[in-house]
N, C-alpha and C. Protein backbone atom coordinates (compact mmCIF):
# COMPACT_ATOMS: atom_id res chain seq x y z
N MET A 1 -190.06 33.31 70.06
CA MET A 1 -188.94 33.58 70.99
C MET A 1 -188.87 32.38 71.93
N PHE A 2 -187.64 31.94 72.25
CA PHE A 2 -187.40 30.76 73.13
C PHE A 2 -187.31 31.28 74.56
N VAL A 3 -187.98 30.64 75.46
CA VAL A 3 -187.93 30.96 76.88
C VAL A 3 -187.44 29.73 77.62
N PHE A 4 -186.57 29.98 78.56
CA PHE A 4 -186.07 28.86 79.37
C PHE A 4 -187.03 28.65 80.53
N PRO A 5 -187.70 27.51 80.59
CA PRO A 5 -188.71 27.31 81.65
C PRO A 5 -188.07 27.27 83.05
N SER A 6 -188.77 27.77 84.02
CA SER A 6 -188.24 27.85 85.38
C SER A 6 -187.99 26.43 85.97
N GLU A 7 -188.75 25.45 85.52
CA GLU A 7 -188.54 24.12 85.99
C GLU A 7 -187.20 23.57 85.54
N GLN A 8 -186.82 23.88 84.30
CA GLN A 8 -185.48 23.45 83.80
C GLN A 8 -184.38 24.22 84.52
N PHE A 9 -184.57 25.45 84.80
CA PHE A 9 -183.61 26.25 85.56
C PHE A 9 -183.37 25.66 86.95
N ALA A 10 -184.48 25.35 87.65
CA ALA A 10 -184.38 24.72 88.97
C ALA A 10 -183.66 23.38 88.91
N GLU A 11 -183.97 22.62 87.84
CA GLU A 11 -183.35 21.31 87.68
C GLU A 11 -181.87 21.45 87.46
N VAL A 12 -181.44 22.41 86.65
CA VAL A 12 -180.02 22.68 86.41
C VAL A 12 -179.33 23.10 87.70
N GLN A 13 -180.00 23.91 88.50
CA GLN A 13 -179.37 24.40 89.75
C GLN A 13 -179.22 23.21 90.75
N LYS A 14 -180.23 22.34 90.78
CA LYS A 14 -180.15 21.16 91.69
C LYS A 14 -178.97 20.29 91.32
N ALA A 15 -178.82 20.01 89.97
CA ALA A 15 -177.75 19.21 89.50
C ALA A 15 -176.41 19.83 89.73
N SER A 16 -176.29 21.16 89.61
CA SER A 16 -175.06 21.88 89.88
C SER A 16 -174.65 21.76 91.32
N PHE A 17 -175.58 21.90 92.22
CA PHE A 17 -175.34 21.76 93.66
C PHE A 17 -174.93 20.35 93.98
N ALA A 18 -175.59 19.36 93.40
CA ALA A 18 -175.28 17.96 93.66
C ALA A 18 -173.88 17.68 93.20
N ASN A 19 -173.45 18.22 92.01
CA ASN A 19 -172.09 18.00 91.55
C ASN A 19 -171.06 18.74 92.47
N LEU A 20 -171.46 19.93 92.89
CA LEU A 20 -170.55 20.69 93.79
C LEU A 20 -170.28 19.90 95.05
N PHE A 21 -171.35 19.33 95.64
CA PHE A 21 -171.19 18.58 96.85
C PHE A 21 -170.44 17.30 96.61
N ALA A 22 -170.64 16.65 95.47
CA ALA A 22 -169.87 15.46 95.12
C ALA A 22 -168.38 15.80 95.03
N LEU A 23 -168.05 16.84 94.38
CA LEU A 23 -166.63 17.30 94.27
C LEU A 23 -166.05 17.58 95.66
N THR A 24 -166.82 18.30 96.48
CA THR A 24 -166.37 18.64 97.83
C THR A 24 -166.17 17.35 98.61
N ASN A 25 -167.07 16.47 98.60
CA ASN A 25 -166.88 15.21 99.36
C ASN A 25 -165.69 14.44 98.89
N THR A 26 -165.45 14.40 97.63
CA THR A 26 -164.28 13.69 97.06
C THR A 26 -162.97 14.41 97.55
N ALA A 27 -162.96 15.66 97.48
CA ALA A 27 -161.75 16.40 97.95
C ALA A 27 -161.55 16.15 99.46
N PHE A 28 -162.58 16.17 100.29
CA PHE A 28 -162.46 15.89 101.68
C PHE A 28 -161.97 14.45 101.99
N ASP A 29 -162.49 13.52 101.17
CA ASP A 29 -162.06 12.12 101.36
C ASP A 29 -160.54 12.03 101.05
N GLY A 30 -160.07 12.69 100.02
CA GLY A 30 -158.65 12.73 99.71
C GLY A 30 -157.84 13.36 100.84
N PHE A 31 -158.36 14.44 101.34
CA PHE A 31 -157.71 15.17 102.45
C PHE A 31 -157.62 14.31 103.69
N GLN A 32 -158.76 13.51 103.99
CA GLN A 32 -158.81 12.70 105.13
C GLN A 32 -157.74 11.56 104.98
N LYS A 33 -157.63 10.99 103.82
CA LYS A 33 -156.64 9.91 103.56
C LYS A 33 -155.24 10.48 103.77
N LEU A 34 -154.97 11.67 103.27
CA LEU A 34 -153.69 12.32 103.46
C LEU A 34 -153.39 12.56 104.92
N ALA A 35 -154.36 13.07 105.65
CA ALA A 35 -154.20 13.30 107.12
C ALA A 35 -153.90 12.02 107.82
N GLU A 36 -154.62 10.96 107.51
CA GLU A 36 -154.41 9.65 108.17
C GLU A 36 -153.00 9.16 107.86
N LEU A 37 -152.58 9.27 106.59
CA LEU A 37 -151.22 8.85 106.23
C LEU A 37 -150.17 9.63 107.01
N ASN A 38 -150.35 10.91 107.07
CA ASN A 38 -149.34 11.76 107.84
C ASN A 38 -149.38 11.44 109.30
N LEU A 39 -150.50 11.19 109.90
CA LEU A 39 -150.53 10.81 111.30
C LEU A 39 -149.88 9.47 111.53
N GLN A 40 -150.11 8.54 110.62
CA GLN A 40 -149.47 7.20 110.78
C GLN A 40 -147.95 7.30 110.63
N VAL A 41 -147.51 8.12 109.66
CA VAL A 41 -146.08 8.29 109.48
C VAL A 41 -145.47 8.96 110.65
N ALA A 42 -146.09 10.03 111.16
CA ALA A 42 -145.57 10.73 112.37
C ALA A 42 -145.46 9.79 113.58
N LYS A 43 -146.52 9.02 113.78
CA LYS A 43 -146.51 8.10 114.95
C LYS A 43 -145.40 7.03 114.81
N SER A 44 -145.32 6.42 113.63
CA SER A 44 -144.24 5.37 113.42
C SER A 44 -142.84 5.99 113.47
N SER A 45 -142.71 7.24 112.95
CA SER A 45 -141.41 7.88 113.00
C SER A 45 -140.96 8.16 114.42
N LEU A 46 -141.91 8.56 115.23
CA LEU A 46 -141.56 8.89 116.62
C LEU A 46 -141.14 7.58 117.32
N ALA A 47 -141.86 6.54 117.16
CA ALA A 47 -141.50 5.21 117.76
C ALA A 47 -140.11 4.75 117.24
N GLU A 48 -139.90 4.84 115.96
CA GLU A 48 -138.63 4.39 115.39
C GLU A 48 -137.49 5.26 115.87
N SER A 49 -137.73 6.56 115.97
CA SER A 49 -136.65 7.46 116.48
C SER A 49 -136.20 7.03 117.85
N GLN A 50 -137.18 6.78 118.67
CA GLN A 50 -136.87 6.35 120.03
C GLN A 50 -136.04 5.07 120.03
N ASP A 51 -136.48 4.10 119.23
CA ASP A 51 -135.70 2.84 119.15
C ASP A 51 -134.33 3.09 118.61
N ASN A 52 -134.15 3.93 117.60
CA ASN A 52 -132.87 4.20 116.98
C ASN A 52 -131.93 4.89 117.92
N ILE A 53 -132.49 5.87 118.73
CA ILE A 53 -131.61 6.55 119.65
C ILE A 53 -131.18 5.56 120.76
N GLN A 54 -132.02 4.72 121.20
CA GLN A 54 -131.66 3.76 122.24
C GLN A 54 -130.65 2.78 121.70
N ALA A 55 -130.75 2.39 120.40
CA ALA A 55 -129.76 1.50 119.82
C ALA A 55 -128.42 2.17 119.69
N ALA A 56 -128.44 3.42 119.28
CA ALA A 56 -127.17 4.14 119.11
C ALA A 56 -126.51 4.42 120.43
N LEU A 57 -127.27 4.68 121.48
CA LEU A 57 -126.74 4.92 122.81
C LEU A 57 -126.26 3.65 123.51
N SER A 58 -126.77 2.54 123.03
CA SER A 58 -126.35 1.30 123.68
C SER A 58 -125.05 0.76 123.13
N GLY A 59 -124.50 1.44 122.12
CA GLY A 59 -123.20 0.96 121.55
C GLY A 59 -122.08 1.08 122.57
N ARG A 60 -121.12 0.17 122.48
CA ARG A 60 -119.98 0.17 123.39
C ARG A 60 -118.94 1.18 123.09
N ASP A 61 -118.79 1.47 121.78
CA ASP A 61 -117.81 2.47 121.36
C ASP A 61 -118.34 3.24 120.14
N LEU A 62 -117.50 4.15 119.66
CA LEU A 62 -117.91 5.00 118.58
C LEU A 62 -118.16 4.18 117.31
N ARG A 63 -117.41 3.13 117.12
CA ARG A 63 -117.62 2.29 115.93
C ARG A 63 -119.03 1.67 115.91
N ASP A 64 -119.50 1.22 117.07
CA ASP A 64 -120.84 0.68 117.20
C ASP A 64 -121.89 1.71 116.85
N VAL A 65 -121.66 2.94 117.30
CA VAL A 65 -122.61 3.99 116.99
C VAL A 65 -122.66 4.28 115.48
N PHE A 66 -121.53 4.33 114.81
CA PHE A 66 -121.51 4.57 113.36
C PHE A 66 -122.12 3.40 112.55
N THR A 67 -121.89 2.17 113.05
CA THR A 67 -122.48 0.99 112.42
C THR A 67 -123.97 1.03 112.52
N THR A 68 -124.49 1.43 113.71
CA THR A 68 -125.90 1.58 113.89
C THR A 68 -126.51 2.63 112.96
N GLN A 69 -125.76 3.76 112.88
CA GLN A 69 -126.25 4.86 112.00
C GLN A 69 -126.31 4.39 110.51
N GLY A 70 -125.29 3.64 110.10
CA GLY A 70 -125.20 3.17 108.78
C GLY A 70 -126.35 2.22 108.39
N THR A 71 -126.78 1.38 109.37
CA THR A 71 -127.85 0.48 109.10
C THR A 71 -129.19 1.17 109.10
N LEU A 72 -129.28 2.35 109.64
CA LEU A 72 -130.58 3.04 109.73
C LEU A 72 -130.91 3.85 108.47
N ALA A 73 -129.90 4.15 107.66
CA ALA A 73 -130.15 4.97 106.45
C ALA A 73 -131.04 4.35 105.47
N GLN A 74 -130.79 3.07 105.13
CA GLN A 74 -131.62 2.43 104.12
C GLN A 74 -133.09 2.30 104.52
N PRO A 75 -133.42 1.81 105.72
CA PRO A 75 -134.81 1.76 106.11
C PRO A 75 -135.53 3.07 106.04
N ALA A 76 -134.77 4.15 106.51
CA ALA A 76 -135.38 5.54 106.51
C ALA A 76 -135.66 5.97 105.03
N ALA A 77 -134.74 5.74 104.16
CA ALA A 77 -134.94 6.10 102.79
C ALA A 77 -136.03 5.28 102.13
N GLU A 78 -136.14 4.02 102.45
CA GLU A 78 -137.22 3.18 101.90
C GLU A 78 -138.55 3.66 102.42
N LYS A 79 -138.59 4.05 103.67
CA LYS A 79 -139.87 4.56 104.21
C LYS A 79 -140.28 5.91 103.52
N ALA A 80 -139.27 6.70 103.28
CA ALA A 80 -139.53 7.98 102.56
C ALA A 80 -140.12 7.71 101.16
N LEU A 81 -139.53 6.71 100.47
CA LEU A 81 -140.00 6.38 99.19
C LEU A 81 -141.42 5.78 99.22
N SER A 82 -141.64 4.97 100.26
CA SER A 82 -143.00 4.40 100.48
C SER A 82 -144.01 5.48 100.74
N TYR A 83 -143.62 6.47 101.53
CA TYR A 83 -144.48 7.61 101.79
C TYR A 83 -144.81 8.33 100.48
N ALA A 84 -143.78 8.59 99.70
CA ALA A 84 -144.00 9.32 98.42
C ALA A 84 -144.92 8.51 97.53
N ARG A 85 -144.79 7.24 97.50
CA ARG A 85 -145.71 6.36 96.64
C ARG A 85 -147.11 6.46 97.19
N GLN A 86 -147.30 6.34 98.50
CA GLN A 86 -148.64 6.35 99.07
C GLN A 86 -149.28 7.76 98.84
N LEU A 87 -148.49 8.77 98.98
CA LEU A 87 -148.96 10.13 98.77
C LEU A 87 -149.40 10.26 97.26
N TYR A 88 -148.61 9.77 96.38
CA TYR A 88 -148.92 9.81 94.97
C TYR A 88 -150.24 9.04 94.67
N GLU A 89 -150.40 7.84 95.31
CA GLU A 89 -151.62 7.08 95.09
C GLU A 89 -152.87 7.83 95.58
N ILE A 90 -152.74 8.45 96.74
CA ILE A 90 -153.87 9.21 97.29
C ILE A 90 -154.20 10.41 96.30
N ALA A 91 -153.19 11.05 95.83
CA ALA A 91 -153.43 12.17 94.94
C ALA A 91 -154.04 11.65 93.61
N THR A 92 -153.53 10.56 93.13
CA THR A 92 -154.03 10.01 91.83
C THR A 92 -155.45 9.52 91.96
N GLU A 93 -155.79 8.82 93.09
CA GLU A 93 -157.14 8.40 93.28
C GLU A 93 -158.12 9.55 93.43
N THR A 94 -157.73 10.56 94.18
CA THR A 94 -158.56 11.73 94.34
C THR A 94 -158.75 12.45 93.05
N GLN A 95 -157.68 12.61 92.28
CA GLN A 95 -157.82 13.29 90.96
C GLN A 95 -158.70 12.46 90.06
N ALA A 96 -158.57 11.19 90.02
CA ALA A 96 -159.41 10.37 89.19
C ALA A 96 -160.92 10.49 89.52
N GLU A 97 -161.22 10.48 90.83
CA GLU A 97 -162.59 10.65 91.25
C GLU A 97 -163.09 12.06 90.90
N LEU A 98 -162.27 13.09 91.12
CA LEU A 98 -162.70 14.40 90.72
C LEU A 98 -162.94 14.51 89.21
N ALA A 99 -162.03 13.89 88.42
CA ALA A 99 -162.15 13.91 86.94
C ALA A 99 -163.41 13.20 86.55
N LYS A 100 -163.79 12.08 87.14
CA LYS A 100 -164.99 11.37 86.81
C LYS A 100 -166.21 12.26 87.04
N THR A 101 -166.23 12.92 88.22
CA THR A 101 -167.38 13.78 88.50
C THR A 101 -167.51 14.93 87.54
N VAL A 102 -166.34 15.57 87.25
CA VAL A 102 -166.31 16.71 86.35
C VAL A 102 -166.72 16.25 84.97
N GLU A 103 -166.24 15.11 84.53
CA GLU A 103 -166.56 14.63 83.19
C GLU A 103 -168.09 14.29 83.10
N ALA A 104 -168.62 13.68 84.10
CA ALA A 104 -170.04 13.42 84.14
C ALA A 104 -170.86 14.71 84.06
N GLN A 105 -170.45 15.70 84.83
CA GLN A 105 -171.09 16.99 84.84
C GLN A 105 -170.98 17.66 83.41
N TYR A 106 -169.79 17.56 82.89
CA TYR A 106 -169.57 18.19 81.57
C TYR A 106 -170.46 17.54 80.52
N GLU A 107 -170.53 16.20 80.58
CA GLU A 107 -171.37 15.52 79.56
C GLU A 107 -172.85 15.86 79.71
N GLN A 108 -173.28 15.97 80.97
CA GLN A 108 -174.66 16.32 81.24
C GLN A 108 -174.94 17.77 80.75
N ASN A 109 -174.06 18.65 81.06
CA ASN A 109 -174.23 20.04 80.62
C ASN A 109 -174.09 20.18 79.14
N SER A 110 -173.23 19.37 78.53
CA SER A 110 -173.10 19.38 77.08
C SER A 110 -174.39 18.96 76.40
N ARG A 111 -175.01 17.92 76.93
CA ARG A 111 -176.30 17.48 76.38
C ARG A 111 -177.32 18.57 76.51
N ARG A 112 -177.36 19.25 77.62
CA ARG A 112 -178.36 20.32 77.88
C ARG A 112 -178.08 21.47 76.85
N VAL A 113 -176.84 21.86 76.74
CA VAL A 113 -176.51 22.93 75.82
C VAL A 113 -176.86 22.55 74.38
N GLN A 114 -176.54 21.31 74.02
CA GLN A 114 -176.86 20.87 72.68
C GLN A 114 -178.36 20.86 72.44
N GLY A 115 -179.15 20.43 73.48
CA GLY A 115 -180.58 20.49 73.39
C GLY A 115 -181.10 21.89 73.23
N PHE A 116 -180.49 22.83 74.00
CA PHE A 116 -180.79 24.24 73.84
C PHE A 116 -180.57 24.74 72.47
N VAL A 117 -179.37 24.41 71.97
CA VAL A 117 -178.98 24.92 70.63
C VAL A 117 -179.96 24.28 69.55
N ASP A 118 -180.24 23.01 69.64
CA ASP A 118 -181.18 22.37 68.71
C ASP A 118 -182.52 23.05 68.72
N THR A 119 -183.01 23.32 69.92
CA THR A 119 -184.34 23.97 70.08
C THR A 119 -184.28 25.34 69.52
N PHE A 120 -183.24 26.06 69.83
CA PHE A 120 -183.08 27.44 69.34
C PHE A 120 -183.00 27.46 67.85
N VAL A 121 -182.22 26.56 67.22
CA VAL A 121 -182.06 26.53 65.79
C VAL A 121 -183.42 26.15 65.15
N LYS A 122 -184.10 25.23 65.71
CA LYS A 122 -185.45 24.84 65.18
C LYS A 122 -186.45 26.00 65.25
N ASN A 123 -186.40 26.76 66.28
CA ASN A 123 -187.35 27.85 66.51
C ASN A 123 -186.86 29.22 66.04
N ALA A 124 -185.65 29.24 65.52
CA ALA A 124 -185.06 30.56 65.10
C ALA A 124 -185.82 31.18 63.97
N PRO A 125 -186.03 32.48 64.07
CA PRO A 125 -186.73 33.15 63.01
C PRO A 125 -185.89 33.23 61.74
N ALA A 126 -186.53 33.47 60.66
CA ALA A 126 -185.83 33.59 59.36
C ALA A 126 -184.84 34.77 59.43
N GLY A 127 -183.71 34.56 58.83
CA GLY A 127 -182.66 35.63 58.82
C GLY A 127 -181.66 35.48 59.97
N SER A 128 -181.79 34.49 60.81
CA SER A 128 -180.90 34.33 61.97
C SER A 128 -179.86 33.20 61.71
N GLU A 129 -179.65 32.91 60.44
CA GLU A 129 -178.75 31.79 60.13
C GLU A 129 -177.35 32.07 60.64
N ALA A 130 -176.88 33.34 60.56
CA ALA A 130 -175.50 33.66 61.02
C ALA A 130 -175.40 33.41 62.53
N LEU A 131 -176.44 33.80 63.28
CA LEU A 131 -176.39 33.61 64.69
C LEU A 131 -176.43 32.09 65.05
N THR A 132 -177.26 31.35 64.39
CA THR A 132 -177.32 29.89 64.68
C THR A 132 -175.98 29.26 64.30
N ALA A 133 -175.37 29.66 63.19
CA ALA A 133 -174.07 29.06 62.82
C ALA A 133 -172.98 29.40 63.89
N LEU A 134 -173.03 30.64 64.37
CA LEU A 134 -172.12 31.03 65.42
C LEU A 134 -172.31 30.22 66.69
N LEU A 135 -173.56 30.08 67.04
CA LEU A 135 -173.89 29.27 68.23
C LEU A 135 -173.39 27.85 68.09
N LYS A 136 -173.62 27.24 66.93
CA LYS A 136 -173.13 25.86 66.73
C LYS A 136 -171.62 25.73 66.75
N SER A 137 -170.95 26.71 66.13
CA SER A 137 -169.52 26.70 66.08
C SER A 137 -168.89 26.94 67.48
N THR A 138 -169.58 27.76 68.27
CA THR A 138 -169.12 28.00 69.62
C THR A 138 -169.23 26.76 70.51
N VAL A 139 -170.28 26.02 70.37
CA VAL A 139 -170.49 24.78 71.11
C VAL A 139 -169.46 23.80 70.62
N ALA A 140 -169.19 23.66 69.37
CA ALA A 140 -168.21 22.75 68.83
C ALA A 140 -166.79 23.12 69.33
N ALA A 141 -166.48 24.37 69.32
CA ALA A 141 -165.17 24.85 69.83
C ALA A 141 -165.03 24.48 71.33
N ALA A 142 -166.07 24.78 72.13
CA ALA A 142 -166.00 24.45 73.54
C ALA A 142 -165.75 22.95 73.74
N ASN A 143 -166.46 22.13 72.98
CA ASN A 143 -166.28 20.65 73.09
C ASN A 143 -164.82 20.28 72.74
N ASN A 144 -164.32 20.83 71.64
CA ASN A 144 -162.91 20.53 71.24
C ASN A 144 -161.96 20.98 72.29
N THR A 145 -162.17 22.16 72.90
CA THR A 145 -161.25 22.64 73.93
C THR A 145 -161.23 21.72 75.14
N TYR A 146 -162.47 21.27 75.54
CA TYR A 146 -162.54 20.37 76.65
C TYR A 146 -161.82 19.06 76.39
N GLU A 147 -161.98 18.53 75.24
CA GLU A 147 -161.28 17.29 74.87
C GLU A 147 -159.80 17.48 74.87
N SER A 148 -159.34 18.59 74.40
CA SER A 148 -157.87 18.88 74.36
C SER A 148 -157.33 18.99 75.79
N VAL A 149 -158.05 19.68 76.67
CA VAL A 149 -157.59 19.85 78.04
C VAL A 149 -157.61 18.45 78.72
N GLN A 150 -158.61 17.68 78.47
CA GLN A 150 -158.70 16.40 79.07
C GLN A 150 -157.50 15.50 78.63
N LYS A 151 -157.19 15.50 77.33
CA LYS A 151 -156.07 14.72 76.90
C LYS A 151 -154.76 15.21 77.48
N ALA A 152 -154.60 16.54 77.56
CA ALA A 152 -153.35 17.09 78.11
C ALA A 152 -153.24 16.76 79.60
N THR A 153 -154.33 16.76 80.28
CA THR A 153 -154.29 16.40 81.73
C THR A 153 -153.91 14.97 81.95
N LYS A 154 -154.46 14.04 81.13
CA LYS A 154 -154.11 12.66 81.25
C LYS A 154 -152.66 12.45 80.88
N GLN A 155 -152.16 13.17 79.90
CA GLN A 155 -150.73 13.02 79.46
C GLN A 155 -149.82 13.52 80.61
N ALA A 156 -150.25 14.65 81.25
CA ALA A 156 -149.42 15.20 82.31
C ALA A 156 -149.37 14.23 83.52
N ALA A 157 -150.51 13.63 83.80
CA ALA A 157 -150.59 12.64 84.91
C ALA A 157 -149.65 11.45 84.60
N GLU A 158 -149.64 11.03 83.40
CA GLU A 158 -148.78 9.87 83.06
C GLU A 158 -147.31 10.29 83.16
N THR A 159 -146.96 11.53 82.73
CA THR A 159 -145.62 12.03 82.84
C THR A 159 -145.19 12.08 84.32
N VAL A 160 -146.08 12.61 85.17
CA VAL A 160 -145.74 12.68 86.56
C VAL A 160 -145.52 11.28 87.16
N LYS A 161 -146.40 10.37 86.78
CA LYS A 161 -146.22 8.97 87.29
C LYS A 161 -144.92 8.36 86.87
N SER A 162 -144.51 8.52 85.64
CA SER A 162 -143.25 7.92 85.18
C SER A 162 -142.07 8.65 85.84
N ASN A 163 -142.17 9.98 86.03
CA ASN A 163 -141.07 10.66 86.74
C ASN A 163 -140.94 10.22 88.22
N ILE A 164 -142.08 9.96 88.85
CA ILE A 164 -142.01 9.53 90.26
C ILE A 164 -141.43 8.14 90.34
N GLU A 165 -141.79 7.31 89.38
CA GLU A 165 -141.24 5.92 89.37
C GLU A 165 -139.74 5.92 89.10
N ALA A 166 -139.32 6.79 88.13
CA ALA A 166 -137.87 6.87 87.82
C ALA A 166 -137.14 7.48 88.95
N SER A 167 -137.66 8.46 89.70
CA SER A 167 -137.02 9.05 90.82
C SER A 167 -136.90 8.05 92.00
N ALA A 168 -137.96 7.30 92.18
CA ALA A 168 -138.00 6.30 93.27
C ALA A 168 -136.88 5.26 92.95
N ALA A 169 -136.78 4.79 91.75
CA ALA A 169 -135.80 3.82 91.41
C ALA A 169 -134.35 4.37 91.57
N ALA A 170 -134.13 5.61 91.18
CA ALA A 170 -132.81 6.26 91.35
C ALA A 170 -132.48 6.44 92.82
N ALA A 171 -133.47 6.88 93.60
CA ALA A 171 -133.22 7.11 95.01
C ALA A 171 -132.97 5.81 95.76
N SER A 172 -133.73 4.75 95.37
CA SER A 172 -133.50 3.46 96.04
C SER A 172 -132.10 2.99 95.71
N GLY A 173 -131.64 3.14 94.50
CA GLY A 173 -130.22 2.73 94.15
C GLY A 173 -129.21 3.52 94.93
N ALA A 174 -129.46 4.82 95.02
CA ALA A 174 -128.51 5.70 95.74
C ALA A 174 -128.45 5.31 97.26
N VAL A 175 -129.60 5.03 97.80
CA VAL A 175 -129.64 4.65 99.23
C VAL A 175 -128.91 3.35 99.47
N GLN A 176 -129.10 2.41 98.57
CA GLN A 176 -128.46 1.13 98.76
C GLN A 176 -126.91 1.26 98.68
N GLN A 177 -126.48 2.07 97.73
CA GLN A 177 -125.06 2.36 97.53
C GLN A 177 -124.51 3.11 98.74
N GLY A 178 -125.21 4.07 99.27
CA GLY A 178 -124.78 4.78 100.47
C GLY A 178 -124.74 3.89 101.68
N THR A 179 -125.67 2.98 101.82
CA THR A 179 -125.65 2.07 102.95
C THR A 179 -124.47 1.14 102.90
N ARG A 180 -124.16 0.67 101.66
CA ARG A 180 -122.94 -0.20 101.54
C ARG A 180 -121.70 0.59 101.97
N ARG A 181 -121.60 1.83 101.51
CA ARG A 181 -120.40 2.66 101.87
C ARG A 181 -120.31 2.89 103.32
N ALA A 182 -121.48 3.17 104.00
CA ALA A 182 -121.50 3.44 105.44
C ALA A 182 -121.11 2.23 106.20
N THR A 183 -121.59 1.07 105.76
CA THR A 183 -121.30 -0.19 106.41
C THR A 183 -119.76 -0.53 106.32
N LYS A 184 -119.22 -0.26 105.10
CA LYS A 184 -117.80 -0.57 104.92
C LYS A 184 -116.92 0.39 105.74
N ALA A 185 -117.32 1.65 105.88
CA ALA A 185 -116.53 2.62 106.59
C ALA A 185 -116.52 2.38 108.11
N ALA A 186 -117.63 1.76 108.56
CA ALA A 186 -117.74 1.46 109.99
C ALA A 186 -116.84 0.29 110.32
């Protein structure tokens, strides 16, 4: 009979906690970057709003106010696009770091499980061929499932990236066209 030694159990638990803390630290780093970005955007938006209001109020007539408003649309839209890009970069970097940690943990656990299966198969009593075959096929199925999920996740990330880039390009074009119209109307 195969017995799982307590030293190996303790080692597995230590590795699991180390991975948990690595994942948590990575998530907090991403959250910190997001918070810093949001604070930076809020601070600059407040300063720009003050400047824009002062510029609009300093106009001599209504036409000056509309002209000022028309010139503010494009920079605001460009800043929104820049924010979206930075937000995407933070999310992508954080996701990549989390994926690396999870992948390393999976590979380590996979080696352990394979070692367990190999030891079990080697020490299995006669007549347990069906059980050992089931165990091997279960491990193979789990590995295939992990690889499929990993491929699907990468494909989804690429799709999101291309959608964001296409949206940014379309929004930028729309903002430029709207700015030209606002400038002509003023």
